[in-house]
Amino acid sequence: MKTQHDIKSISQHFQMQGKFQSAEPYGSGHINDTYCAVYDQGAASIRYIHQRINHTVFKNPAALMENVQRVTTHVRTKLEGQRGSGRRTLTLVPARDGLPFYRDAAGNFWRTYIFIEKARSYDAVESPQQAFEAAKAFGRFQQSLSDLPPPRLHETIPGFHDTSKRFEALLKAIEADEKNRATQARVEIDFAIPRAGMTRVLLDARLPERITHNDTKFNNVMLDDDTGEGVCVIDLDTVMPGLAPFDFGDQVRTTTSPAKEDERDLSRVRMQMPMFEALVRGYLTQADTFLTKVERQYLAFSGKLITFEVGIRFLTDFLSGDTYFKVHREGHNLDRCRTQFKLVESIEQQEERMNQVVESV
């Protein structure tokens, strides 16, 4: 059962503007607890996002929030003076003590953002133009952080995109089979095992370290309600050192298929080339200013790798008893795994053409 939080009480620990009116759960994230709250300011109302950081997943929330504060401050400084700059990066509301978070009596870590109005995120892409705008926003995000001064950002989840370690965790989960679920997932296990060789390709490619988002799902970009433009990149918990293709790969995973991440009808899961072409064009309008030739060469491959990686993460969690990702039905993580693996198959069938698209842009 989902824990109910007293958002009105939590809000009193932040430097809020206005009188608390109401709060409702918000969004479709798997990890944190998110609420949208309305505050009365007299002639008008204003909305804020209050979010409980999952400290089971993120072991050091204070370090995570130091990252978020540094990144948002850096981006905002670079946007200063530009039209609409207040909507182009998340804006933290400090706690009463000036910190970027509040820790309650139960040990929960909370943060607050100003709600970005007249823009929204989508769980599924609706057009190549949307794909273009999202990829452009993620490319701009990477580009804007390419000159972030030292020190190095904290690794909020060490080894987050170390696919070989993710694969090792899968093998351990298969061997342990703590919940006696391996039989249910035999087809998926047999799909994963022969593909072990791809898991170290990017890690062994000697690519330059970048500051990356590391969770570039399509719904982590807000698109303007009127223009459709990619306005703001959100969900910054995993912003940390990484490889540029990691970010592009997750865009391929979440944007090129018409199916949702947990689609049960696998006939709907496929990599659509027009969406991929839009991603490449959008991303490279920004990222081509700093990407190396070798990084570009791995863009198509990264889509297959990150999709496979997320698939084995869902499979590992299913075998381990659904301890990481939130689930909303029996076998939810196995459904998610099957969707990822079907998309891997579709990418494998079109990978040569995908490489040609990257070379042509």
Protein backbone atom coordinates (compact mmCIF):
# COMPACT_ATOMS: atom_id res chain seq x y z
CA MET A 1 0.00 0.00 0.00
CA LYS A 2 1.27 3.45 -0.93
CA THR A 3 2.30 5.59 2.03
CA GLN A 4 0.20 8.73 2.51
CA HIS A 5 2.24 11.85 3.23
CA ASP A 6 1.10 15.06 4.91
CA ILE A 7 2.13 17.43 2.13
CA LYS A 8 0.76 20.51 3.92
CA SER A 9 3.05 19.79 6.86
CA ILE A 10 6.03 19.10 4.56
CA SER A 11 5.48 22.35 2.68
CA GLN A 12 5.86 24.40 5.84
CA HIS A 13 9.55 23.52 5.87
CA PHE A 14 10.18 25.24 2.52
CA GLN A 15 10.34 28.91 1.58
CA MET A 16 6.91 28.81 -0.10
CA GLN A 17 5.00 31.72 -1.59
CA GLY A 18 1.28 31.58 -0.81
CA LYS A 19 -1.13 29.58 1.36
CA PHE A 20 -1.40 25.81 0.93
CA GLN A 21 -4.68 24.75 -0.70
CA SER A 22 -4.41 21.14 -1.85
CA ALA A 23 -2.05 18.45 -3.12
CA GLU A 24 -2.48 15.37 -5.34
CA PRO A 25 -0.13 12.59 -6.50
CA TYR A 26 1.45 13.55 -9.81
CA GLY A 27 3.22 11.84 -12.70
CA SER A 28 4.04 8.24 -13.58
CA GLY A 29 7.55 7.82 -12.16
CA HIS A 30 8.67 4.44 -10.84
CA ILE A 31 10.97 5.59 -8.02
CA ASN A 32 10.04 8.75 -6.08
CA ASP A 33 6.75 9.96 -4.57
CA THR A 34 5.64 13.11 -6.38
CA TYR A 35 2.85 15.57 -5.56
CA CYS A 36 1.52 18.67 -7.28
CA ALA A 37 0.36 21.27 -4.74
CA VAL A 38 -1.66 24.43 -5.23
CA TYR A 39 -1.00 27.61 -3.20
CA ASP A 40 -3.23 30.66 -2.98
CA GLN A 41 -1.49 33.98 -3.59
CA GLY A 42 -4.57 36.16 -3.33
CA ALA A 43 -5.35 37.29 -6.86
CA ALA A 44 -3.99 34.07 -8.33
CA SER A 45 -2.71 30.64 -7.43
CA ILE A 46 0.66 29.00 -8.01
CA ARG A 47 1.63 25.35 -8.25
CA TYR A 48 4.68 23.57 -6.87
CA ILE A 49 6.04 20.05 -7.08
CA HIS A 50 6.89 18.36 -3.78
CA GLN A 51 8.86 15.16 -4.09
CA ARG A 52 10.08 12.53 -1.66
CA ILE A 53 13.44 11.15 -2.79
CA ASN A 54 13.58 7.37 -2.58
CA HIS A 55 16.58 6.96 -0.28
CA THR A 56 16.49 3.19 -0.74
CA VAL A 57 17.45 3.71 -4.38
CA PHE A 58 19.50 6.88 -3.89
CA LYS A 59 21.71 6.13 -0.92
CA ASN A 60 23.03 9.68 -0.48
CA PRO A 61 20.18 12.15 -1.11
CA ALA A 62 22.26 15.10 0.14
CA ALA A 63 24.91 14.46 -2.52
CA LEU A 64 22.19 13.97 -5.12
CA MET A 65 20.68 17.33 -4.25
CA GLU A 66 24.11 18.99 -4.40
CA ASN A 67 24.31 17.73 -7.99
CA VAL A 68 20.83 19.03 -8.81
CA GLN A 69 21.55 22.43 -7.30
CA ARG A 70 24.86 22.81 -9.16
CA VAL A 71 23.38 21.69 -12.49
CA THR A 72 20.25 23.84 -12.36
CA THR A 73 22.22 26.89 -11.19
CA HIS A 74 24.76 26.46 -14.01
CA VAL A 75 22.09 26.11 -16.68
CA ARG A 76 20.09 29.05 -15.32
CA THR A 77 23.18 31.27 -15.34
CA LYS A 78 23.82 30.44 -19.00
CA LEU A 79 20.18 31.20 -19.86
CA GLU A 80 20.13 34.54 -18.06
CA GLY A 81 18.55 37.27 -20.14
CA GLN A 82 16.99 34.89 -22.64
CA ARG A 83 13.24 34.92 -23.21
CA GLY A 84 11.42 32.24 -21.24
CA SER A 85 14.56 31.24 -19.37
CA GLY A 86 12.59 30.55 -16.18
CA ARG A 87 10.88 27.59 -17.88
CA ARG A 88 14.01 26.05 -19.37
CA THR A 89 15.45 24.52 -16.23
CA LEU A 90 14.01 23.27 -12.98
CA THR A 91 13.90 25.84 -10.18
CA LEU A 92 14.49 24.57 -6.67
CA VAL A 93 12.70 26.14 -3.72
CA PRO A 94 15.08 26.11 -0.74
CA ALA A 95 14.13 24.74 2.64
CA ARG A 96 13.76 27.13 5.59
CA ASP A 97 17.38 26.47 6.57
CA GLY A 98 18.62 27.31 3.07
CA LEU A 99 19.40 23.74 2.04
CA PRO A 100 18.02 22.39 -1.25
CA PHE A 101 16.13 19.67 0.66
CA TYR A 102 14.28 18.99 3.92
CA ARG A 103 14.65 15.82 5.99
CA ASP A 104 11.57 14.94 8.00
CA ALA A 105 11.35 13.15 11.36
CA ALA A 106 10.97 9.78 9.65
CA GLY A 107 14.22 10.25 7.75
CA ASN A 108 12.60 11.05 4.39
CA PHE A 109 14.27 13.59 2.12
CA TRP A 110 12.00 16.11 0.39
CA ARG A 111 12.57 18.72 -2.30
CA THR A 112 10.38 21.33 -3.94
CA TYR A 113 10.33 22.75 -7.47
CA ILE A 114 8.31 25.54 -9.04
CA PHE A 115 5.75 23.92 -11.35
CA ILE A 116 6.42 24.62 -15.04
CA GLU A 117 3.14 25.85 -16.50
CA LYS A 118 1.79 25.46 -20.04
CA ALA A 119 4.01 22.47 -20.76
CA ARG A 120 3.67 18.76 -20.17
CA SER A 121 5.44 15.46 -20.56
CA TYR A 122 4.09 12.50 -22.53
CA ASP A 123 4.41 8.83 -21.65
CA ALA A 124 4.39 7.92 -25.36
CA VAL A 125 5.61 9.89 -28.37
CA GLU A 126 2.93 10.97 -30.84
CA SER A 127 4.94 12.23 -33.83
CA PRO A 128 8.45 12.49 -35.28
CA GLN A 129 8.35 16.21 -34.51
CA GLN A 130 7.90 15.44 -30.83
CA ALA A 131 10.83 13.05 -31.03
CA PHE A 132 12.93 15.76 -32.70
CA GLU A 133 12.08 18.29 -29.98
CA ALA A 134 12.81 15.89 -27.13
CA ALA A 135 16.15 14.85 -28.61
CA LYS A 136 17.05 18.49 -29.22
CA ALA A 137 16.28 19.28 -25.57
CA PHE A 138 18.46 16.43 -24.31
CA GLY A 139 21.27 17.43 -26.65
CA ARG A 140 21.02 21.02 -25.44
CA PHE A 141 21.09 19.77 -21.84
CA GLN A 142 24.34 17.86 -22.45
CA GLN A 143 25.82 20.78 -24.33
CA SER A 144 24.94 23.28 -21.58
CA LEU A 145 26.76 21.16 -19.00
CA SER A 146 29.84 20.51 -21.13
CA ASP A 147 31.60 23.41 -19.37
CA LEU A 148 30.42 22.77 -15.80
CA PRO A 149 33.45 23.61 -13.64
CA PRO A 150 34.98 21.14 -11.14
CA PRO A 151 34.57 19.32 -8.87
CA ARG A 152 33.26 16.18 -10.55
CA LEU A 153 29.59 15.49 -9.89
CA HIS A 154 28.70 12.76 -7.41
CA GLU A 155 27.72 9.36 -8.80
CA THR A 156 24.22 9.09 -7.38
CA ILE A 157 23.98 5.42 -8.39
CA PRO A 158 27.51 4.04 -8.95
CA GLY A 159 27.73 1.84 -12.03
CA PHE A 160 24.25 2.91 -13.19
CA HIS A 161 24.98 2.17 -16.85
CA ASP A 162 27.60 -0.54 -16.26
CA THR A 163 25.71 -3.07 -18.37
CA SER A 164 28.16 -5.85 -17.60
CA LYS A 165 27.47 -5.49 -13.87
CA ARG A 166 23.76 -5.37 -14.56
CA PHE A 167 24.19 -8.64 -16.43
CA GLU A 168 26.11 -10.17 -13.52
CA ALA A 169 23.25 -9.17 -11.22
CA LEU A 170 20.84 -10.94 -13.55
CA LEU A 171 22.89 -14.13 -13.46
CA LYS A 172 22.90 -14.04 -9.65
CA ALA A 173 19.15 -13.49 -9.58
CA ILE A 174 18.62 -16.43 -11.93
CA GLU A 175 20.79 -18.68 -9.78
CA ALA A 176 19.17 -17.60 -6.50
CA ASP A 177 15.60 -17.60 -7.87
CA GLU A 178 14.42 -16.37 -4.47
CA LYS A 179 10.75 -16.11 -5.48
CA ASN A 180 10.64 -19.25 -7.69
CA ARG A 181 9.92 -17.13 -10.76
CA ALA A 182 12.63 -18.31 -13.15
CA THR A 183 10.28 -20.81 -14.80
CA GLN A 184 7.87 -17.99 -15.69
CA ALA A 185 10.73 -16.05 -17.29
CA ARG A 186 12.51 -18.89 -19.10
CA VAL A 187 11.96 -17.39 -22.57
CA GLU A 188 13.36 -14.03 -21.44
CA ILE A 189 16.33 -15.64 -19.70
CA ASP A 190 17.13 -17.60 -22.86
CA PHE A 191 16.95 -14.35 -24.84
CA ALA A 192 19.34 -12.53 -22.53
CA ILE A 193 22.11 -15.09 -22.01
CA PRO A 194 23.41 -15.24 -25.63
CA ARG A 195 23.66 -11.43 -25.76
CA ALA A 196 26.15 -11.11 -22.90
CA GLY A 197 28.89 -10.07 -25.33
CA MET A 198 27.38 -6.66 -26.06
CA THR A 199 27.40 -5.54 -22.43
CA ARG A 200 30.97 -4.19 -22.34
CA VAL A 201 31.16 -2.62 -25.80
CA LEU A 202 30.63 1.01 -24.76
CA LEU A 203 32.62 0.66 -21.54
CA ASP A 204 35.60 -0.67 -23.50
CA ALA A 205 35.38 1.93 -26.30
CA ARG A 206 37.45 4.57 -24.43
CA LEU A 207 34.85 7.29 -24.97
CA PRO A 208 35.28 10.65 -23.19
CA GLU A 209 33.47 11.16 -19.92
CA ARG A 210 30.60 13.64 -20.13
CA ILE A 211 27.97 14.97 -17.76
CA THR A 212 24.90 13.03 -18.76
CA HIS A 213 21.28 12.76 -17.68
CA ASN A 214 21.35 8.94 -17.66
CA ASP A 215 17.56 8.56 -17.70
CA THR A 216 16.47 10.19 -20.96
CA LYS A 217 13.03 8.66 -21.20
CA PHE A 218 10.76 10.58 -23.54
CA ASN A 219 8.61 11.63 -20.58
CA ASN A 220 11.57 13.36 -18.95
CA VAL A 221 11.24 16.27 -21.36
CA MET A 222 8.41 18.80 -21.04
CA LEU A 223 6.99 20.03 -24.34
CA ASP A 224 5.36 23.44 -24.69
CA ASP A 225 1.56 23.22 -24.91
CA ASP A 226 1.34 25.78 -27.72
CA THR A 227 4.47 25.35 -29.82
CA GLY A 228 5.42 21.73 -29.06
CA GLU A 229 8.99 22.85 -28.42
CA GLY A 230 11.11 20.90 -25.94
CA VAL A 231 11.12 23.27 -22.98
CA CYS A 232 12.73 21.64 -19.97
CA VAL A 233 14.56 18.43 -19.07
CA ILE A 234 13.29 17.04 -15.78
CA ASP A 235 14.06 14.19 -13.32
CA LEU A 236 17.68 15.07 -12.60
CA ASP A 237 18.38 12.39 -9.98
CA THR A 238 20.81 10.50 -12.18
CA VAL A 239 22.64 13.49 -13.68
CA MET A 240 26.27 12.52 -13.16
CA PRO A 241 29.41 11.54 -15.09
CA GLY A 242 28.65 9.18 -17.96
CA LEU A 243 28.96 8.54 -21.69
CA ALA A 244 27.05 10.56 -24.26
CA PRO A 245 25.69 7.49 -26.09
CA PHE A 246 24.02 6.35 -22.85
CA ASP A 247 21.66 9.31 -23.10
CA PHE A 248 20.98 8.90 -26.80
CA GLY A 249 20.40 5.16 -26.36
CA ASP A 250 17.66 5.68 -23.80
CA GLN A 251 15.99 8.14 -26.15
CA VAL A 252 15.90 5.41 -28.79
CA ARG A 253 14.48 2.98 -26.24
CA THR A 254 11.63 5.22 -25.12
CA THR A 255 10.82 7.19 -28.25
CA THR A 256 11.05 5.00 -31.33
CA SER A 257 8.34 2.47 -30.44
CA PRO A 258 4.60 3.30 -30.44
CA ALA A 259 4.12 1.01 -27.45
CA LYS A 260 4.39 1.97 -23.79
CA GLU A 261 7.16 0.60 -21.60
CA ASP A 262 4.89 -2.09 -20.14
CA GLU A 263 2.88 -2.95 -23.28
CA ARG A 264 1.43 -6.47 -23.13
CA ASP A 265 0.58 -6.66 -26.84
CA LEU A 266 4.09 -7.24 -28.18
CA SER A 267 2.90 -6.94 -31.78
CA ARG A 268 2.77 -3.18 -31.15
CA VAL A 269 6.47 -3.00 -30.15
CA ARG A 270 8.79 -2.00 -32.98
CA MET A 271 11.58 0.47 -33.74
CA GLN A 272 10.16 3.03 -36.15
CA MET A 273 12.76 4.45 -38.49
CA PRO A 274 11.07 7.89 -38.93
CA MET A 275 11.23 8.35 -35.16
CA PHE A 276 14.88 7.31 -35.07
CA GLU A 277 15.75 9.72 -37.88
CA ALA A 278 14.00 12.53 -35.98
CA LEU A 279 15.98 11.69 -32.83
CA VAL A 280 19.27 11.79 -34.70
CA ARG A 281 18.48 15.11 -36.35
CA GLY A 282 17.22 16.71 -33.14
CA TYR A 283 20.02 15.48 -30.92
CA LEU A 284 22.80 16.41 -33.33
CA THR A 285 21.53 19.98 -33.78
CA GLN A 286 22.96 20.52 -30.30
CA ALA A 287 25.34 17.66 -29.52
CA ASP A 288 27.30 17.84 -32.75
CA THR A 289 29.15 20.81 -31.29
CA PHE A 290 31.00 18.58 -28.81
CA LEU A 291 30.63 14.92 -29.83
CA THR A 292 33.70 13.12 -31.17
CA LYS A 293 33.59 11.01 -34.32
CA VAL A 294 33.82 7.82 -32.25
CA GLU A 295 30.90 8.86 -30.02
CA ARG A 296 28.76 9.38 -33.12
CA GLN A 297 29.67 5.91 -34.39
CA TYR A 298 28.06 4.33 -31.33
CA LEU A 299 24.75 6.22 -31.41
CA ALA A 300 22.77 3.50 -33.21
CA PHE A 301 24.34 0.71 -31.17
CA SER A 302 23.55 2.55 -27.95
CA GLY A 303 19.83 2.20 -28.60
CA LYS A 304 20.13 -1.57 -28.67
CA LEU A 305 22.44 -1.69 -25.67
CA ILE A 306 20.42 0.55 -23.34
CA THR A 307 17.17 -1.19 -24.30
CA PHE A 308 18.79 -4.52 -23.47
CA GLU A 309 20.20 -3.12 -20.23
CA VAL A 310 16.82 -1.87 -19.04
CA GLY A 311 15.26 -5.16 -20.05
CA ILE A 312 17.65 -7.16 -17.89
CA ARG A 313 17.09 -4.73 -15.02
CA PHE A 314 13.34 -5.36 -15.20
CA LEU A 315 13.99 -9.09 -15.44
CA THR A 316 16.36 -9.04 -12.46
CA ASP A 317 13.82 -7.13 -10.38
CA PHE A 318 11.07 -9.56 -11.33
CA LEU A 319 13.20 -12.55 -10.31
CA SER A 320 14.19 -10.79 -7.05
CA GLY A 321 10.63 -10.01 -5.97
CA ASP A 322 10.01 -6.50 -7.39
CA THR A 323 12.18 -4.64 -4.90
CA TYR A 324 13.38 -1.73 -7.09
CA PHE A 325 10.73 -0.59 -9.58
CA LYS A 326 7.22 0.19 -8.48
CA VAL A 327 4.76 -2.39 -9.79
CA HIS A 328 1.02 -2.01 -10.27
CA ARG A 329 0.01 -5.53 -11.22
CA GLU A 330 1.14 -9.13 -11.00
CA GLY A 331 4.07 -9.73 -13.36
CA HIS A 332 4.44 -6.03 -14.16
CA ASN A 333 8.25 -6.13 -14.32
CA LEU A 334 8.16 -9.23 -16.54
CA ASP A 335 5.81 -7.40 -18.92
CA ARG A 336 8.25 -4.50 -18.98
CA CYS A 337 11.14 -6.86 -19.68
CA ARG A 338 9.32 -8.50 -22.58
CA THR A 339 8.62 -5.12 -24.14
CA GLN A 340 12.30 -4.16 -23.98
CA PHE A 341 13.49 -7.44 -25.44
CA LYS A 342 11.01 -7.22 -28.32
CA LEU A 343 12.37 -3.75 -29.09
CA VAL A 344 15.94 -5.11 -29.00
CA GLU A 345 14.94 -7.61 -31.67
CA SER A 346 13.45 -4.86 -33.81
CA ILE A 347 16.59 -2.73 -33.49
CA GLU A 348 18.81 -5.68 -34.40
CA GLN A 349 16.83 -6.13 -37.61
CA GLN A 350 17.34 -2.48 -38.60
CA GLU A 351 20.74 -1.66 -37.11
CA GLU A 352 22.57 -1.37 -40.44
CA ARG A 353 20.08 1.19 -41.71
CA MET A 354 20.24 3.06 -38.38
CA ASN A 355 24.00 3.44 -38.75
CA GLN A 356 23.51 4.79 -42.26
CA VAL A 357 21.11 7.42 -40.92
CA VAL A 358 23.64 8.61 -38.33
CA GLU A 359 26.37 8.83 -40.97
CA SER A 360 24.12 10.83 -43.30
CA VAL A 361 23.24 13.59 -40.81
